């Protein structure tokens, strides 16, 4: 996230990491954008294989768990939706496709669960090619978006 913030700042976009939640200042949201702040976003990386290329059996829990203690993308999105942040709110998930565990299937499940619990304004997706961890076969990556 530090690299993302740095790149946005290079493009003259005001942004930064770790904006405190208004009702719980010790808790921090991952990213803020704009001056004054226009967006706050919870950001999660999801991959279903570890650095060693072996399956990561906790990957789906880290994305879809409804339990706040698991700090999943779903629980972070719900916390963000319930917050009193004034700007627009988003959950950003980035990850890598895998033939055995396609990212799209997991993102579809996240989208369904989110829509069941909060108003989702829009889902955006972007594909990134050419990103590859050494030693792991390349597939592709995606990110998704905004909640009410």
N, C-alpha and C. Protein backbone atom coordinates (compact mmCIF):
# COMPACT_ATOMS: atom_id res chain seq x y z
N UNK A 1 0.82 -1.19 0.00
CA UNK A 1 0.00 0.00 0.00
C UNK A 1 0.86 1.25 0.00
N UNK A 2 2.01 1.18 0.61
CA UNK A 2 2.91 2.34 0.59
C UNK A 2 3.29 2.69 -0.84
N UNK A 3 3.54 1.68 -1.67
CA UNK A 3 3.89 1.93 -3.07
C UNK A 3 2.72 2.53 -3.84
N UNK A 4 1.50 2.06 -3.57
CA UNK A 4 0.31 2.61 -4.23
C UNK A 4 0.15 4.08 -3.84
N UNK A 5 0.24 4.37 -2.56
CA UNK A 5 0.13 5.76 -2.09
C UNK A 5 1.19 6.64 -2.73
N UNK A 6 2.40 6.12 -2.77
CA UNK A 6 3.51 6.88 -3.37
C UNK A 6 3.24 7.18 -4.84
N UNK A 7 2.76 6.19 -5.56
CA UNK A 7 2.48 6.37 -6.99
C UNK A 7 1.35 7.38 -7.21
N UNK A 8 0.30 7.30 -6.39
CA UNK A 8 -0.79 8.27 -6.51
C UNK A 8 -0.30 9.68 -6.21
N UNK A 9 0.55 9.81 -5.21
CA UNK A 9 1.12 11.13 -4.89
C UNK A 9 1.99 11.64 -6.04
N UNK A 10 2.73 10.73 -6.69
CA UNK A 10 3.52 11.12 -7.87
C UNK A 10 2.63 11.68 -8.96
N UNK A 11 1.38 11.21 -9.01
CA UNK A 11 0.42 11.69 -10.02
C UNK A 11 -0.34 12.92 -9.51
N UNK A 12 0.15 13.49 -8.42
CA UNK A 12 -0.44 14.68 -7.81
C UNK A 12 -1.86 14.44 -7.29
N UNK A 13 -2.10 13.24 -6.77
CA UNK A 13 -3.36 12.90 -6.14
C UNK A 13 -3.09 12.83 -4.64
N UNK A 14 -3.79 13.65 -3.88
CA UNK A 14 -3.61 13.64 -2.43
C UNK A 14 -4.14 12.31 -1.88
N UNK A 15 -3.29 11.60 -1.14
CA UNK A 15 -3.70 10.32 -0.59
C UNK A 15 -2.75 9.92 0.52
N UNK A 16 -3.12 8.88 1.21
CA UNK A 16 -2.27 8.36 2.26
C UNK A 16 -2.83 7.10 2.85
N UNK A 17 -2.10 6.56 3.78
CA UNK A 17 -2.50 5.33 4.45
C UNK A 17 -2.99 5.62 5.86
N UNK A 18 -3.80 4.72 6.35
CA UNK A 18 -4.15 4.64 7.77
C UNK A 18 -4.90 5.86 8.31
N UNK A 19 -6.06 6.12 7.76
CA UNK A 19 -6.92 7.17 8.29
C UNK A 19 -7.75 6.56 9.43
N UNK A 20 -7.80 7.23 10.59
CA UNK A 20 -8.54 6.66 11.73
C UNK A 20 -10.06 6.67 11.49
N UNK A 21 -10.72 5.63 11.95
CA UNK A 21 -12.18 5.60 11.93
C UNK A 21 -12.69 6.67 12.88
N UNK A 22 -13.69 7.45 12.48
CA UNK A 22 -14.18 8.55 13.35
C UNK A 22 -14.64 8.09 14.72
N UNK A 23 -15.29 6.93 14.78
CA UNK A 23 -15.83 6.46 16.06
C UNK A 23 -14.87 5.56 16.82
N UNK A 24 -13.74 5.22 16.23
CA UNK A 24 -12.76 4.34 16.87
C UNK A 24 -11.37 4.73 16.37
N UNK A 25 -10.79 5.82 16.87
CA UNK A 25 -9.54 6.35 16.34
C UNK A 25 -8.36 5.39 16.38
N UNK A 26 -8.41 4.38 17.21
CA UNK A 26 -7.31 3.40 17.24
C UNK A 26 -7.34 2.47 16.04
N UNK A 27 -8.52 2.32 15.44
CA UNK A 27 -8.66 1.50 14.24
C UNK A 27 -8.40 2.37 13.02
N UNK A 28 -7.75 1.81 12.04
CA UNK A 28 -7.38 2.58 10.86
C UNK A 28 -7.92 1.93 9.59
N UNK A 29 -8.39 2.78 8.69
CA UNK A 29 -8.77 2.35 7.35
C UNK A 29 -7.51 2.43 6.49
N UNK A 30 -7.36 1.52 5.53
CA UNK A 30 -6.11 1.37 4.79
C UNK A 30 -5.71 2.56 3.94
N UNK A 31 -6.66 3.23 3.30
CA UNK A 31 -6.30 4.22 2.29
C UNK A 31 -7.31 5.36 2.28
N UNK A 32 -6.80 6.58 2.12
CA UNK A 32 -7.66 7.75 1.89
C UNK A 32 -7.17 8.45 0.64
N UNK A 33 -8.12 9.05 -0.09
CA UNK A 33 -7.79 9.74 -1.33
C UNK A 33 -8.55 11.06 -1.38
N UNK A 34 -7.86 12.12 -1.78
CA UNK A 34 -8.48 13.43 -1.98
C UNK A 34 -8.19 14.39 -0.85
N UNK A 35 -8.22 15.68 -1.17
CA UNK A 35 -8.01 16.74 -0.18
C UNK A 35 -9.04 17.83 -0.43
N UNK A 36 -10.11 17.90 0.33
CA UNK A 36 -10.42 17.05 1.49
C UNK A 36 -10.71 15.60 1.05
N UNK A 37 -10.72 14.72 2.00
CA UNK A 37 -10.87 13.29 1.70
C UNK A 37 -12.16 13.01 0.96
N UNK A 38 -12.01 12.38 -0.21
CA UNK A 38 -13.16 12.00 -1.04
C UNK A 38 -13.47 10.51 -0.94
N UNK A 39 -12.46 9.70 -0.72
CA UNK A 39 -12.60 8.25 -0.64
C UNK A 39 -11.84 7.71 0.57
N UNK A 40 -12.41 6.67 1.16
CA UNK A 40 -11.68 5.82 2.10
C UNK A 40 -11.88 4.39 1.60
N UNK A 41 -10.85 3.58 1.75
CA UNK A 41 -10.94 2.21 1.23
C UNK A 41 -10.25 1.22 2.15
N UNK A 42 -10.92 0.09 2.33
CA UNK A 42 -10.30 -1.07 2.96
C UNK A 42 -9.68 -1.87 1.82
N UNK A 43 -8.44 -2.25 1.96
CA UNK A 43 -7.72 -2.93 0.88
C UNK A 43 -7.26 -4.30 1.37
N UNK A 44 -7.53 -5.31 0.56
CA UNK A 44 -7.14 -6.69 0.90
C UNK A 44 -6.50 -7.37 -0.28
N UNK A 45 -5.43 -8.08 -0.02
CA UNK A 45 -4.83 -8.93 -1.03
C UNK A 45 -5.37 -10.34 -0.84
N UNK A 46 -5.73 -10.99 -1.94
CA UNK A 46 -6.19 -12.37 -1.86
C UNK A 46 -5.43 -13.20 -2.86
N UNK A 47 -4.87 -14.23 -2.36
CA UNK A 47 -4.23 -15.21 -3.22
C UNK A 47 -4.50 -16.57 -2.60
N UNK A 48 -4.60 -17.53 -3.44
CA UNK A 48 -4.94 -18.87 -2.98
C UNK A 48 -3.74 -19.82 -3.03
N UNK A 49 -2.57 -19.23 -3.23
CA UNK A 49 -1.31 -19.98 -3.15
C UNK A 49 -0.31 -19.13 -2.38
N UNK A 50 0.52 -19.78 -1.61
CA UNK A 50 1.56 -19.08 -0.86
C UNK A 50 2.75 -18.74 -1.74
N UNK A 51 3.74 -18.09 -1.14
CA UNK A 51 4.97 -17.74 -1.86
C UNK A 51 5.66 -18.97 -2.45
N UNK A 52 5.44 -20.12 -1.83
CA UNK A 52 6.08 -21.35 -2.28
C UNK A 52 5.28 -22.07 -3.37
N UNK A 53 4.14 -21.49 -3.78
CA UNK A 53 3.31 -22.09 -4.83
C UNK A 53 2.34 -23.13 -4.33
N UNK A 54 2.37 -23.44 -3.02
CA UNK A 54 1.45 -24.43 -2.46
C UNK A 54 0.12 -23.76 -2.13
N UNK A 55 -0.99 -24.52 -2.20
CA UNK A 55 -2.31 -23.95 -1.89
C UNK A 55 -2.35 -23.37 -0.48
N UNK A 56 -3.01 -22.22 -0.35
CA UNK A 56 -3.22 -21.57 0.95
C UNK A 56 -4.66 -21.82 1.36
N UNK A 57 -4.87 -22.75 2.27
CA UNK A 57 -6.22 -23.14 2.65
C UNK A 57 -6.96 -22.07 3.44
N UNK A 58 -6.27 -21.04 3.92
CA UNK A 58 -6.95 -19.98 4.66
C UNK A 58 -7.36 -18.82 3.75
N UNK A 59 -7.00 -18.88 2.48
CA UNK A 59 -7.27 -17.77 1.57
C UNK A 59 -8.74 -17.39 1.49
N UNK A 60 -9.62 -18.37 1.46
CA UNK A 60 -11.05 -18.07 1.34
C UNK A 60 -11.60 -17.47 2.63
N UNK A 61 -11.10 -17.95 3.78
CA UNK A 61 -11.52 -17.37 5.07
C UNK A 61 -11.10 -15.91 5.15
N UNK A 62 -9.91 -15.62 4.67
CA UNK A 62 -9.41 -14.25 4.72
C UNK A 62 -10.23 -13.31 3.83
N UNK A 63 -10.95 -13.86 2.89
CA UNK A 63 -11.79 -13.05 2.01
C UNK A 63 -13.23 -12.99 2.49
N UNK A 64 -13.82 -14.13 2.93
CA UNK A 64 -15.26 -14.22 3.13
C UNK A 64 -15.75 -14.38 4.56
N UNK A 65 -14.87 -14.51 5.53
CA UNK A 65 -15.33 -14.75 6.89
C UNK A 65 -16.19 -13.58 7.39
N UNK A 66 -17.36 -13.90 7.98
CA UNK A 66 -18.20 -12.85 8.54
C UNK A 66 -17.77 -12.40 9.94
N UNK A 67 -16.77 -13.09 10.51
CA UNK A 67 -16.36 -12.81 11.87
C UNK A 67 -15.32 -11.70 11.90
N UNK A 68 -15.59 -10.65 12.65
CA UNK A 68 -14.71 -9.48 12.68
C UNK A 68 -13.29 -9.81 13.12
N UNK A 69 -13.16 -10.78 14.00
CA UNK A 69 -11.82 -11.15 14.48
C UNK A 69 -10.94 -11.68 13.36
N UNK A 70 -11.53 -12.21 12.28
CA UNK A 70 -10.76 -12.73 11.16
C UNK A 70 -10.25 -11.63 10.24
N UNK A 71 -10.79 -10.42 10.39
CA UNK A 71 -10.37 -9.26 9.59
C UNK A 71 -10.35 -9.58 8.09
N UNK A 72 -11.42 -10.19 7.63
CA UNK A 72 -11.56 -10.54 6.22
C UNK A 72 -12.00 -9.33 5.40
N UNK A 73 -11.99 -9.47 4.09
CA UNK A 73 -12.49 -8.41 3.22
C UNK A 73 -13.96 -8.14 3.53
N UNK A 74 -14.74 -9.20 3.76
CA UNK A 74 -16.16 -9.03 4.08
C UNK A 74 -16.34 -8.27 5.39
N UNK A 75 -15.67 -8.70 6.45
CA UNK A 75 -15.86 -8.03 7.74
C UNK A 75 -15.32 -6.60 7.71
N UNK A 76 -14.23 -6.36 6.98
CA UNK A 76 -13.72 -4.99 6.84
C UNK A 76 -14.70 -4.12 6.07
N UNK A 77 -15.32 -4.67 5.03
CA UNK A 77 -16.30 -3.92 4.25
C UNK A 77 -17.52 -3.58 5.10
N UNK A 78 -17.97 -4.52 5.92
CA UNK A 78 -19.12 -4.26 6.79
C UNK A 78 -18.77 -3.18 7.82
N UNK A 79 -17.58 -3.27 8.39
CA UNK A 79 -17.13 -2.26 9.36
C UNK A 79 -17.08 -0.88 8.70
N UNK A 80 -16.58 -0.83 7.49
CA UNK A 80 -16.49 0.43 6.76
C UNK A 80 -17.89 0.97 6.44
N UNK A 81 -18.80 0.10 6.01
CA UNK A 81 -20.16 0.52 5.69
C UNK A 81 -20.88 1.07 6.92
N UNK A 82 -20.60 0.51 8.08
CA UNK A 82 -21.24 0.95 9.33
C UNK A 82 -20.59 2.20 9.91
N UNK A 83 -19.44 2.56 9.40
CA UNK A 83 -18.70 3.69 9.95
C UNK A 83 -19.36 5.01 9.59
N UNK A 84 -18.94 6.05 10.28
CA UNK A 84 -19.48 7.39 10.01
C UNK A 84 -18.56 8.20 9.09
N UNK A 85 -17.67 7.52 8.36
CA UNK A 85 -16.88 8.24 7.38
C UNK A 85 -17.82 8.97 6.43
N UNK A 86 -17.54 10.24 6.17
CA UNK A 86 -18.38 11.03 5.28
C UNK A 86 -18.11 10.77 3.79
N UNK A 87 -16.86 10.53 3.40
CA UNK A 87 -16.61 10.37 1.98
C UNK A 87 -17.12 9.03 1.45
N UNK A 88 -16.89 8.82 0.18
CA UNK A 88 -17.26 7.56 -0.45
C UNK A 88 -16.39 6.45 0.13
N UNK A 89 -16.97 5.25 0.20
CA UNK A 89 -16.30 4.11 0.81
C UNK A 89 -16.16 3.00 -0.21
N UNK A 90 -15.06 2.28 -0.13
CA UNK A 90 -14.82 1.17 -1.05
C UNK A 90 -14.06 0.07 -0.36
N UNK A 91 -14.24 -1.12 -0.89
CA UNK A 91 -13.37 -2.24 -0.53
C UNK A 91 -12.66 -2.61 -1.82
N UNK A 92 -11.35 -2.70 -1.73
CA UNK A 92 -10.53 -3.05 -2.88
C UNK A 92 -9.88 -4.39 -2.57
N UNK A 93 -10.12 -5.33 -3.46
CA UNK A 93 -9.50 -6.65 -3.33
C UNK A 93 -8.63 -6.84 -4.56
N UNK A 94 -7.38 -7.17 -4.32
CA UNK A 94 -6.52 -7.51 -5.44
C UNK A 94 -5.95 -8.89 -5.20
N UNK A 95 -5.77 -9.60 -6.27
CA UNK A 95 -5.30 -10.96 -6.12
C UNK A 95 -4.92 -11.56 -7.44
N UNK A 96 -4.74 -12.86 -7.44
CA UNK A 96 -4.23 -13.56 -8.60
C UNK A 96 -5.12 -14.74 -8.92
N UNK A 97 -5.39 -14.93 -10.20
CA UNK A 97 -6.17 -16.08 -10.64
C UNK A 97 -5.37 -17.35 -10.47
N UNK A 98 -6.09 -18.43 -10.25
CA UNK A 98 -5.50 -19.75 -10.11
C UNK A 98 -6.45 -20.71 -10.81
N UNK A 99 -5.92 -21.63 -11.58
CA UNK A 99 -6.78 -22.57 -12.31
C UNK A 99 -7.68 -23.37 -11.38
N UNK A 100 -7.17 -23.78 -10.23
CA UNK A 100 -7.94 -24.60 -9.30
C UNK A 100 -8.90 -23.77 -8.45
N UNK A 101 -8.56 -22.52 -8.21
CA UNK A 101 -9.37 -21.64 -7.36
C UNK A 101 -9.45 -20.27 -8.02
N UNK A 102 -10.33 -20.12 -9.03
CA UNK A 102 -10.40 -18.85 -9.76
C UNK A 102 -10.81 -17.69 -8.84
N UNK A 103 -10.09 -16.60 -8.97
CA UNK A 103 -10.39 -15.41 -8.17
C UNK A 103 -11.81 -14.93 -8.42
N UNK A 104 -12.28 -15.02 -9.66
CA UNK A 104 -13.63 -14.56 -10.00
C UNK A 104 -14.69 -15.27 -9.16
N UNK A 105 -14.54 -16.55 -8.92
CA UNK A 105 -15.51 -17.29 -8.10
C UNK A 105 -15.55 -16.72 -6.68
N UNK A 106 -14.38 -16.44 -6.13
CA UNK A 106 -14.30 -15.90 -4.77
C UNK A 106 -14.86 -14.48 -4.73
N UNK A 107 -14.54 -13.66 -5.73
CA UNK A 107 -15.06 -12.29 -5.77
C UNK A 107 -16.57 -12.28 -5.97
N UNK A 108 -17.09 -13.22 -6.75
CA UNK A 108 -18.53 -13.34 -6.91
C UNK A 108 -19.22 -13.66 -5.59
N UNK A 109 -18.60 -14.55 -4.80
CA UNK A 109 -19.15 -14.89 -3.48
C UNK A 109 -19.09 -13.68 -2.55
N UNK A 110 -17.98 -12.93 -2.58
CA UNK A 110 -17.86 -11.72 -1.77
C UNK A 110 -18.93 -10.71 -2.16
N UNK A 111 -19.11 -10.50 -3.44
CA UNK A 111 -20.12 -9.56 -3.94
C UNK A 111 -21.51 -9.96 -3.45
N UNK A 112 -21.84 -11.24 -3.55
CA UNK A 112 -23.14 -11.74 -3.11
C UNK A 112 -23.35 -11.51 -1.61
N UNK A 113 -22.34 -11.85 -0.81
CA UNK A 113 -22.44 -11.66 0.64
C UNK A 113 -22.55 -10.18 1.01
N UNK A 114 -21.77 -9.34 0.34
CA UNK A 114 -21.85 -7.90 0.61
C UNK A 114 -23.23 -7.35 0.28
N UNK A 115 -23.76 -7.73 -0.88
CA UNK A 115 -25.08 -7.23 -1.29
C UNK A 115 -26.18 -7.71 -0.36
N UNK A 116 -25.96 -8.84 0.29
CA UNK A 116 -26.93 -9.34 1.27
C UNK A 116 -26.92 -8.50 2.56
N UNK A 117 -25.79 -7.88 2.88
CA UNK A 117 -25.63 -7.17 4.15
C UNK A 117 -25.65 -5.65 4.04
N UNK A 118 -25.18 -5.09 2.92
CA UNK A 118 -25.11 -3.63 2.76
C UNK A 118 -25.49 -3.26 1.33
N UNK A 119 -25.75 -1.98 1.11
CA UNK A 119 -26.02 -1.51 -0.24
C UNK A 119 -24.69 -1.36 -0.99
N UNK A 120 -24.56 -2.10 -2.06
CA UNK A 120 -23.38 -1.99 -2.91
C UNK A 120 -23.76 -1.11 -4.09
N UNK A 121 -23.08 0.00 -4.23
CA UNK A 121 -23.41 0.96 -5.27
C UNK A 121 -22.95 0.45 -6.63
N UNK A 122 -21.72 -0.01 -6.68
CA UNK A 122 -21.15 -0.39 -7.97
C UNK A 122 -20.00 -1.36 -7.75
N UNK A 123 -19.85 -2.28 -8.69
CA UNK A 123 -18.68 -3.17 -8.67
C UNK A 123 -17.84 -2.84 -9.90
N UNK A 124 -16.60 -2.53 -9.67
CA UNK A 124 -15.67 -2.25 -10.75
C UNK A 124 -14.58 -3.30 -10.72
N UNK A 125 -14.06 -3.58 -11.88
CA UNK A 125 -13.02 -4.58 -11.98
C UNK A 125 -11.98 -4.13 -13.00
N UNK A 126 -10.75 -4.39 -12.68
CA UNK A 126 -9.67 -4.08 -13.61
C UNK A 126 -8.72 -5.26 -13.65
N UNK A 127 -8.29 -5.61 -14.83
CA UNK A 127 -7.33 -6.70 -14.99
C UNK A 127 -5.94 -6.12 -15.16
N UNK A 128 -4.99 -6.78 -14.55
CA UNK A 128 -3.60 -6.38 -14.66
C UNK A 128 -2.82 -7.58 -15.16
N UNK A 129 -2.09 -7.39 -16.20
CA UNK A 129 -1.28 -8.48 -16.74
C UNK A 129 0.19 -8.16 -16.53
N UNK A 130 0.99 -9.21 -16.55
CA UNK A 130 2.43 -9.03 -16.43
C UNK A 130 2.94 -9.01 -15.00
N UNK A 131 2.05 -9.18 -14.02
CA UNK A 131 2.48 -9.25 -12.63
C UNK A 131 2.75 -10.71 -12.30
N UNK A 132 3.88 -10.98 -11.72
CA UNK A 132 4.22 -12.37 -11.46
C UNK A 132 5.17 -12.49 -10.29
N UNK A 133 4.85 -13.37 -9.39
CA UNK A 133 5.74 -13.70 -8.30
C UNK A 133 6.74 -14.73 -8.82
N UNK A 134 8.02 -14.58 -8.51
CA UNK A 134 9.00 -15.56 -9.00
C UNK A 134 8.64 -16.98 -8.56
N UNK A 135 8.69 -17.90 -9.49
CA UNK A 135 8.45 -19.30 -9.16
C UNK A 135 7.00 -19.73 -9.18
N UNK A 136 6.07 -18.79 -9.39
CA UNK A 136 4.65 -19.14 -9.41
C UNK A 136 4.12 -18.84 -10.81
N UNK A 137 3.46 -19.82 -11.45
CA UNK A 137 2.94 -19.56 -12.80
C UNK A 137 1.99 -18.37 -12.81
N UNK A 138 2.14 -17.50 -13.80
CA UNK A 138 1.32 -16.29 -13.89
C UNK A 138 -0.07 -16.60 -14.41
N UNK A 139 -1.06 -15.98 -13.84
CA UNK A 139 -2.42 -16.02 -14.36
C UNK A 139 -2.83 -14.59 -14.68
N UNK A 140 -3.54 -13.92 -13.77
CA UNK A 140 -3.88 -12.50 -13.93
C UNK A 140 -4.41 -12.01 -12.60
N UNK A 141 -4.59 -10.68 -12.47
CA UNK A 141 -5.08 -10.11 -11.22
C UNK A 141 -6.29 -9.24 -11.48
N UNK A 142 -7.06 -9.00 -10.41
CA UNK A 142 -8.26 -8.17 -10.52
C UNK A 142 -8.42 -7.38 -9.24
N UNK A 143 -9.20 -6.29 -9.33
CA UNK A 143 -9.58 -5.57 -8.13
C UNK A 143 -11.04 -5.15 -8.28
N UNK A 144 -11.74 -4.97 -7.16
CA UNK A 144 -13.16 -4.58 -7.18
C UNK A 144 -13.43 -3.52 -6.15
N UNK A 145 -14.65 -3.01 -6.25
CA UNK A 145 -15.02 -1.86 -5.64
C UNK A 145 -15.94 -1.24 -4.69
N UNK A 146 -16.81 -0.36 -4.95
CA UNK A 146 -17.42 0.61 -4.05
C UNK A 146 -18.62 0.06 -3.28
N UNK A 147 -18.71 0.44 -2.00
CA UNK A 147 -19.88 0.12 -1.18
C UNK A 147 -20.53 1.42 -0.76
N UNK A 148 -21.78 1.32 -0.34
CA UNK A 148 -22.50 2.54 0.07
C UNK A 148 -22.08 2.97 1.45
